PDB file of all heavy atoms in Angstrom:
ATOM      1  N   LYS A   1      69.642  89.201 108.856  1.00  0.00           N
ATOM      2  CA  LYS A   1      70.632  89.008 107.738  1.00  0.00           C
ATOM      3  C   LYS A   1      70.887  87.523 107.538  1.00  0.00           C
ATOM      4  O   LYS A   1      70.936  86.740 108.477  1.00  0.00           O
ATOM      5  CB  LYS A   1      71.959  89.641 108.123  1.00  0.00           C
ATOM      6  CG  LYS A   1      71.921  91.208 107.956  1.00  0.00           C
ATOM      7  CD  LYS A   1      73.310  91.817 108.217  1.00  0.00           C
ATOM      8  CE  LYS A   1      73.285  93.332 108.021  1.00  0.00           C
ATOM      9  NZ  LYS A   1      74.658  93.856 108.225  1.00  0.00           N
ATOM     10  N   ASP A   2      71.029  87.205 106.224  1.00  0.00           N
ATOM     11  CA  ASP A   2      71.453  85.816 105.860  1.00  0.00           C
ATOM     12  C   ASP A   2      72.928  85.785 106.047  1.00  0.00           C
ATOM     13  O   ASP A   2      73.680  86.329 105.227  1.00  0.00           O
ATOM     14  CB  ASP A   2      71.002  85.510 104.423  1.00  0.00           C
ATOM     15  CG  ASP A   2      71.212  84.105 103.983  1.00  0.00           C
ATOM     16  OD1 ASP A   2      72.321  83.562 104.444  1.00  0.00           O
ATOM     17  OD2 ASP A   2      70.390  83.543 103.331  1.00  0.00           O
ATOM     18  N   GLU A   3      73.399  85.027 106.985  1.00  0.00           N
ATOM     19  CA  GLU A   3      74.806  85.047 107.358  1.00  0.00           C
ATOM     20  C   GLU A   3      75.731  84.513 106.224  1.00  0.00           C
ATOM     21  O   GLU A   3      76.819  85.007 105.969  1.00  0.00           O
ATOM     22  CB  GLU A   3      75.080  84.255 108.615  1.00  0.00           C
ATOM     23  CG  GLU A   3      74.476  84.926 109.881  1.00  0.00           C
ATOM     24  CD  GLU A   3      74.798  84.123 111.148  1.00  0.00           C
ATOM     25  OE1 GLU A   3      75.515  83.126 111.032  1.00  0.00           O
ATOM     26  OE2 GLU A   3      74.323  84.532 112.250  1.00  0.00           O
ATOM     27  N   SER A   4      75.247  83.538 105.544  1.00  0.00           N
ATOM     28  CA  SER A   4      76.025  82.939 104.439  1.00  0.00           C
ATOM     29  C   SER A   4      76.202  83.976 103.317  1.00  0.00           C
ATOM     30  O   SER A   4      77.276  84.152 102.732  1.00  0.00           O
ATOM     31  CB  SER A   4      75.428  81.644 103.931  1.00  0.00           C
ATOM     32  OG  SER A   4      74.179  81.888 103.396  1.00  0.00           O
ATOM     33  N   LYS A   5      75.098  84.597 102.941  1.00  0.00           N
ATOM     34  CA  LYS A   5      75.143  85.552 101.873  1.00  0.00           C
ATOM     35  C   LYS A   5      75.946  86.778 102.289  1.00  0.00           C
ATOM     36  O   LYS A   5      76.628  87.372 101.544  1.00  0.00           O
ATOM     37  CB  LYS A   5      73.691  85.975 101.437  1.00  0.00           C
ATOM     38  CG  LYS A   5      73.024  84.846 100.703  1.00  0.00           C
ATOM     39  CD  LYS A   5      71.648  85.330 100.226  1.00  0.00           C
ATOM     40  CE  LYS A   5      70.941  84.259  99.439  1.00  0.00           C
ATOM     41  NZ  LYS A   5      69.566  84.717  98.935  1.00  0.00           N
ATOM     42  N   GLU A   6      75.773  87.204 103.555  1.00  0.00           N
ATOM     43  CA  GLU A   6      76.559  88.319 104.115  1.00  0.00           C
ATOM     44  C   GLU A   6      78.081  88.036 104.056  1.00  0.00           C
ATOM     45  O   GLU A   6      78.838  88.944 103.652  1.00  0.00           O
ATOM     46  CB  GLU A   6      76.126  88.534 105.551  1.00  0.00           C
ATOM     47  CG  GLU A   6      77.067  89.388 106.398  1.00  0.00           C
ATOM     48  CD  GLU A   6      76.982  90.843 106.095  1.00  0.00           C
ATOM     49  OE1 GLU A   6      76.116  91.240 105.327  1.00  0.00           O
ATOM     50  OE2 GLU A   6      77.855  91.610 106.617  1.00  0.00           O
ATOM     51  N   ALA A   7      78.456  86.813 104.369  1.00  0.00           N
ATOM     52  CA  ALA A   7      79.842  86.430 104.336  1.00  0.00           C
ATOM     53  C   ALA A   7      80.355  86.463 102.900  1.00  0.00           C
ATOM     54  O   ALA A   7      81.498  86.902 102.587  1.00  0.00           O
ATOM     55  CB  ALA A   7      80.058  85.049 104.962  1.00  0.00           C
ATOM     56  N   THR A   8      79.549  85.912 101.962  1.00  0.00           N
ATOM     57  CA  THR A   8      79.959  85.936 100.523  1.00  0.00           C
ATOM     58  C   THR A   8      80.107  87.348 100.043  1.00  0.00           C
ATOM     59  O   THR A   8      81.083  87.629  99.283  1.00  0.00           O
ATOM     60  CB  THR A   8      78.901  85.187  99.690  1.00  0.00           C
ATOM     61  OG1 THR A   8      78.754  83.871 100.192  1.00  0.00           O
ATOM     62  CG2 THR A   8      79.301  85.161  98.237  1.00  0.00           C
ATOM     63  N   LYS A   9      79.178  88.190 100.345  1.00  0.00           N
ATOM     64  CA  LYS A   9      79.272  89.605  99.962  1.00  0.00           C
ATOM     65  C   LYS A   9      80.508  90.265 100.543  1.00  0.00           C
ATOM     66  O   LYS A   9      81.237  90.994  99.830  1.00  0.00           O
ATOM     67  CB  LYS A   9      78.022  90.363 100.410  1.00  0.00           C
ATOM     68  CG  LYS A   9      77.949  91.784 100.013  1.00  0.00           C
ATOM     69  CD  LYS A   9      77.757  91.999  98.559  1.00  0.00           C
ATOM     70  CE  LYS A   9      77.563  93.482  98.200  1.00  0.00           C
ATOM     71  NZ  LYS A   9      77.391  93.733  96.764  1.00  0.00           N
ATOM     72  N   GLN A  10      80.793  89.976 101.773  1.00  0.00           N
ATOM     73  CA  GLN A  10      81.951  90.634 102.471  1.00  0.00           C
ATOM     74  C   GLN A  10      83.289  90.187 101.790  1.00  0.00           C
ATOM     75  O   GLN A  10      84.173  90.977 101.606  1.00  0.00           O
ATOM     76  CB  GLN A  10      81.941  90.218 103.966  1.00  0.00           C
ATOM     77  CG  GLN A  10      82.890  91.026 104.826  1.00  0.00           C
ATOM     78  CD  GLN A  10      82.458  92.487 104.934  1.00  0.00           C
ATOM     79  OE1 GLN A  10      81.267  92.786 104.935  1.00  0.00           O
ATOM     80  NE2 GLN A  10      83.431  93.379 105.025  1.00  0.00           N
ATOM     81  N   GLU A  11      83.297  88.937 101.405  1.00  0.00           N
ATOM     82  CA  GLU A  11      84.535  88.361 100.738  1.00  0.00           C
ATOM     83  C   GLU A  11      84.737  88.954  99.372  1.00  0.00           C
ATOM     84  O   GLU A  11      85.870  89.081  98.901  1.00  0.00           O
ATOM     85  CB  GLU A  11      84.463  86.835 100.660  1.00  0.00           C
ATOM     86  CG  GLU A  11      84.554  86.174 102.004  1.00  0.00           C
ATOM     87  CD  GLU A  11      84.303  84.628 101.862  1.00  0.00           C
ATOM     88  OE1 GLU A  11      84.102  84.204 100.743  1.00  0.00           O
ATOM     89  OE2 GLU A  11      84.366  83.994 102.925  1.00  0.00           O
ATOM     90  N   SER A  12      83.673  89.378  98.731  1.00  0.00           N
ATOM     91  CA  SER A  12      83.819  89.877  97.325  1.00  0.00           C
ATOM     92  C   SER A  12      84.044  91.342  97.279  1.00  0.00           C
ATOM     93  O   SER A  12      84.259  91.902  96.186  1.00  0.00           O
ATOM     94  CB  SER A  12      82.525  89.513  96.568  1.00  0.00           C
ATOM     95  OG  SER A  12      81.402  90.342  97.047  1.00  0.00           O
ATOM     96  N   LEU A  13      84.082  92.064  98.397  1.00  0.00           N
ATOM     97  CA  LEU A  13      84.306  93.502  98.378  1.00  0.00           C
ATOM     98  C   LEU A  13      85.703  93.812  97.800  1.00  0.00           C
ATOM     99  O   LEU A  13      86.675  93.219  98.175  1.00  0.00           O
ATOM    100  CB  LEU A  13      84.173  94.079  99.807  1.00  0.00           C
ATOM    101  CG  LEU A  13      82.765  94.025 100.419  1.00  0.00           C
ATOM    102  CD1 LEU A  13      82.794  94.587 101.852  1.00  0.00           C
ATOM    103  CD2 LEU A  13      81.771  94.790  99.564  1.00  0.00           C
ATOM    104  N   GLY A  14      85.788  94.830  96.968  1.00  0.00           N
ATOM    105  CA  GLY A  14      87.026  95.248  96.396  1.00  0.00           C
ATOM    106  C   GLY A  14      87.483  94.380  95.333  1.00  0.00           C
ATOM    107  O   GLY A  14      88.665  94.559  94.811  1.00  0.00           O
ATOM    108  N   ILE A  15      86.779  93.420  94.825  1.00  0.00           N
ATOM    109  CA  ILE A  15      87.197  92.487  93.799  1.00  0.00           C
ATOM    110  C   ILE A  15      86.367  92.707  92.530  1.00  0.00           C
ATOM    111  O   ILE A  15      85.128  92.810  92.560  1.00  0.00           O
ATOM    112  CB  ILE A  15      87.025  91.054  94.246  1.00  0.00           C
ATOM    113  CG1 ILE A  15      87.958  90.735  95.445  1.00  0.00           C
ATOM    114  CG2 ILE A  15      87.356  90.062  93.079  1.00  0.00           C
ATOM    115  CD1 ILE A  15      87.800  89.306  95.966  1.00  0.00           C
ATOM    116  N   TYR A  16      87.063  92.850  91.405  1.00  0.00           N
ATOM    117  CA  TYR A  16      86.436  92.898  90.088  1.00  0.00           C
ATOM    118  C   TYR A  16      87.290  92.176  89.083  1.00  0.00           C
ATOM    119  O   TYR A  16      88.434  91.830  89.359  1.00  0.00           O
ATOM    120  CB  TYR A  16      86.089  94.309  89.661  1.00  0.00           C
ATOM    121  CG  TYR A  16      87.266  95.223  89.577  1.00  0.00           C
ATOM    122  CD1 TYR A  16      87.873  95.461  88.287  1.00  0.00           C
ATOM    123  CD2 TYR A  16      87.793  95.856  90.639  1.00  0.00           C
ATOM    124  CE1 TYR A  16      88.923  96.319  88.164  1.00  0.00           C
ATOM    125  CE2 TYR A  16      88.955  96.711  90.521  1.00  0.00           C
ATOM    126  CZ  TYR A  16      89.444  96.935  89.299  1.00  0.00           C
ATOM    127  OH  TYR A  16      90.510  97.776  89.113  1.00  0.00           O
ATOM    128  N   PHE A  17      86.677  91.889  87.869  1.00  0.00           N
ATOM    129  CA  PHE A  17      87.424  91.051  86.906  1.00  0.00           C
ATOM    130  C   PHE A  17      87.576  91.850  85.575  1.00  0.00           C
ATOM    131  O   PHE A  17      86.636  92.419  85.077  1.00  0.00           O
ATOM    132  CB  PHE A  17      86.663  89.756  86.649  1.00  0.00           C
ATOM    133  CG  PHE A  17      86.610  88.919  87.839  1.00  0.00           C
ATOM    134  CD1 PHE A  17      85.609  89.026  88.790  1.00  0.00           C
ATOM    135  CD2 PHE A  17      87.548  87.873  88.037  1.00  0.00           C
ATOM    136  CE1 PHE A  17      85.560  88.204  89.919  1.00  0.00           C
ATOM    137  CE2 PHE A  17      87.515  87.017  89.156  1.00  0.00           C
ATOM    138  CZ  PHE A  17      86.472  87.220  90.053  1.00  0.00           C
ATOM    139  N   LEU A  18      88.805  91.821  85.120  1.00  0.00           N
ATOM    140  CA  LEU A  18      89.044  92.326  83.693  1.00  0.00           C
ATOM    141  C   LEU A  18      88.962  91.141  82.749  1.00  0.00           C
ATOM    142  O   LEU A  18      89.350  90.035  83.111  1.00  0.00           O
ATOM    143  CB  LEU A  18      90.483  92.975  83.682  1.00  0.00           C
ATOM    144  CG  LEU A  18      90.653  94.172  84.559  1.00  0.00           C
ATOM    145  CD1 LEU A  18      92.044  94.799  84.319  1.00  0.00           C
ATOM    146  CD2 LEU A  18      89.618  95.242  84.408  1.00  0.00           C
ATOM    147  N   ARG A  19      88.591  91.522  81.546  1.00  0.00           N
ATOM    148  CA  ARG A  19      88.332  90.432  80.544  1.00  0.00           C
ATOM    149  C   ARG A  19      88.907  90.862  79.223  1.00  0.00           C
ATOM    150  O   ARG A  19      88.754  92.089  78.798  1.00  0.00           O
ATOM    151  CB  ARG A  19      86.891  90.193  80.397  1.00  0.00           C
ATOM    152  CG  ARG A  19      86.506  89.160  79.380  1.00  0.00           C
ATOM    153  CD  ARG A  19      85.009  88.968  79.333  1.00  0.00           C
ATOM    154  NE  ARG A  19      84.593  87.993  78.324  1.00  0.00           N
ATOM    155  CZ  ARG A  19      83.345  87.628  78.093  1.00  0.00           C
ATOM    156  NH1 ARG A  19      82.348  88.062  78.848  1.00  0.00           N
ATOM    157  NH2 ARG A  19      83.032  86.698  77.179  1.00  0.00           N
ATOM    158  N   THR A  20      89.610  89.995  78.511  1.00  0.00           N
ATOM    159  CA  THR A  20      90.152  90.382  77.181  1.00  0.00           C
ATOM    160  C   THR A  20      90.234  89.131  76.344  1.00  0.00           C
ATOM    161  O   THR A  20      90.397  88.027  76.878  1.00  0.00           O
ATOM    162  CB  THR A  20      91.548  91.085  77.282  1.00  0.00           C
ATOM    163  OG1 THR A  20      92.038  91.386  76.057  1.00  0.00           O
ATOM    164  CG2 THR A  20      92.582  90.188  78.020  1.00  0.00           C
ATOM    165  N   ASP A  21      90.196  89.365  74.985  1.00  0.00           N
ATOM    166  CA  ASP A  21      90.484  88.265  74.064  1.00  0.00           C
ATOM    167  C   ASP A  21      91.872  88.278  73.565  1.00  0.00           C
ATOM    168  O   ASP A  21      92.260  87.459  72.690  1.00  0.00           O
ATOM    169  CB  ASP A  21      89.479  88.352  72.874  1.00  0.00           C
ATOM    170  CG  ASP A  21      89.718  89.611  72.067  1.00  0.00           C
ATOM    171  OD1 ASP A  21      90.236  90.613  72.598  1.00  0.00           O
ATOM    172  OD2 ASP A  21      89.358  89.555  70.823  1.00  0.00           O
ATOM    173  N   LEU A  22      92.742  89.157  74.110  1.00  0.00           N
ATOM    174  CA  LEU A  22      94.176  89.176  73.728  1.00  0.00           C
ATOM    175  C   LEU A  22      94.905  88.059  74.459  1.00  0.00           C
ATOM    176  O   LEU A  22      94.574  87.730  75.580  1.00  0.00           O
ATOM    177  CB  LEU A  22      94.748  90.566  74.148  1.00  0.00           C
ATOM    178  CG  LEU A  22      94.302  91.760  73.334  1.00  0.00           C
ATOM    179  CD1 LEU A  22      94.718  93.038  74.113  1.00  0.00           C
ATOM    180  CD2 LEU A  22      94.899  91.731  71.925  1.00  0.00           C
ATOM    181  N   GLU A  23      95.921  87.636  73.806  1.00  0.00           N
ATOM    182  CA  GLU A  23      96.793  86.580  74.466  1.00  0.00           C
ATOM    183  C   GLU A  23      97.945  87.297  75.130  1.00  0.00           C
ATOM    184  O   GLU A  23      99.034  87.447  74.596  1.00  0.00           O
ATOM    185  CB  GLU A  23      97.302  85.620  73.423  1.00  0.00           C
ATOM    186  CG  GLU A  23      96.196  84.764  72.738  1.00  0.00           C
ATOM    187  CD  GLU A  23      96.808  83.774  71.760  1.00  0.00           C
ATOM    188  OE1 GLU A  23      98.033  83.714  71.661  1.00  0.00           O
ATOM    189  OE2 GLU A  23      95.979  83.098  71.078  1.00  0.00           O
ATOM    190  N   ILE A  24      97.641  87.778  76.355  1.00  0.00           N
ATOM    191  CA  ILE A  24      98.615  88.518  77.159  1.00  0.00           C
ATOM    192  C   ILE A  24      99.152  87.653  78.261  1.00  0.00           C
ATOM    193  O   ILE A  24      98.387  87.068  79.047  1.00  0.00           O
ATOM    194  CB  ILE A  24      97.952  89.818  77.742  1.00  0.00           C
ATOM    195  CG1 ILE A  24      97.437  90.702  76.605  1.00  0.00           C
ATOM    196  CG2 ILE A  24      98.996  90.558  78.584  1.00  0.00           C
ATOM    197  CD1 ILE A  24      96.670  91.915  77.055  1.00  0.00           C
ATOM    198  N   LYS A  25     100.449  87.600  78.410  1.00  0.00           N
ATOM    199  CA  LYS A  25     101.030  86.695  79.416  1.00  0.00           C
ATOM    200  C   LYS A  25     101.345  87.508  80.661  1.00  0.00           C
ATOM    201  O   LYS A  25     101.514  86.875  81.725  1.00  0.00           O
ATOM    202  CB  LYS A  25     102.345  86.070  78.833  1.00  0.00           C
ATOM    203  CG  LYS A  25     102.055  85.355  77.569  1.00  0.00           C
ATOM    204  CD  LYS A  25     102.303  83.923  77.691  1.00  0.00           C
ATOM    205  CE  LYS A  25     101.905  83.229  76.379  1.00  0.00           C
ATOM    206  NZ  LYS A  25     103.029  82.418  75.823  1.00  0.00           N
ATOM    207  N   ASP A  26     101.367  88.806  80.575  1.00  0.00           N
ATOM    208  CA  ASP A  26     101.772  89.632  81.742  1.00  0.00           C
ATOM    209  C   ASP A  26     100.570  90.295  82.298  1.00  0.00           C
ATOM    210  O   ASP A  26      99.866  91.065  81.653  1.00  0.00           O
ATOM    211  CB  ASP A  26     102.785  90.711  81.283  1.00  0.00           C
ATOM    212  CG  ASP A  26     103.441  91.439  82.470  1.00  0.00           C
ATOM    213  OD1 ASP A  26     102.842  91.509  83.515  1.00  0.00           O
ATOM    214  OD2 ASP A  26     104.531  91.960  82.229  1.00  0.00           O
ATOM    215  N   GLU A  27     100.228  89.968  83.555  1.00  0.00           N
ATOM    216  CA  GLU A  27      99.040  90.505  84.208  1.00  0.00           C
ATOM    217  C   GLU A  27      99.108  92.065  84.284  1.00  0.00           C
ATOM    218  O   GLU A  27      98.069  92.779  84.123  1.00  0.00           O
ATOM    219  CB  GLU A  27      98.899  89.969  85.657  1.00  0.00           C
ATOM    220  CG  GLU A  27      98.555  88.528  85.721  1.00  0.00           C
ATOM    221  CD  GLU A  27      99.788  87.632  85.695  1.00  0.00           C
ATOM    222  OE1 GLU A  27     100.855  88.140  85.349  1.00  0.00           O
ATOM    223  OE2 GLU A  27      99.649  86.401  86.026  1.00  0.00           O
ATOM    224  N   ALA A  28     100.262  92.650  84.516  1.00  0.00           N
ATOM    225  CA  ALA A  28     100.395  94.055  84.651  1.00  0.00           C
ATOM    226  C   ALA A  28     100.072  94.820  83.347  1.00  0.00           C
ATOM    227  O   ALA A  28      99.543  95.880  83.347  1.00  0.00           O
ATOM    228  CB  ALA A  28     101.819  94.408  85.148  1.00  0.00           C
TER     229      ALA A  28
END
């Protein structure tokens, strides 16, 4: 295993990004 890539993958688990063109100030 590539330890650096393994660590990066582990840190990114459970994370995803929402994207919008709306000007929304409230994250919820």
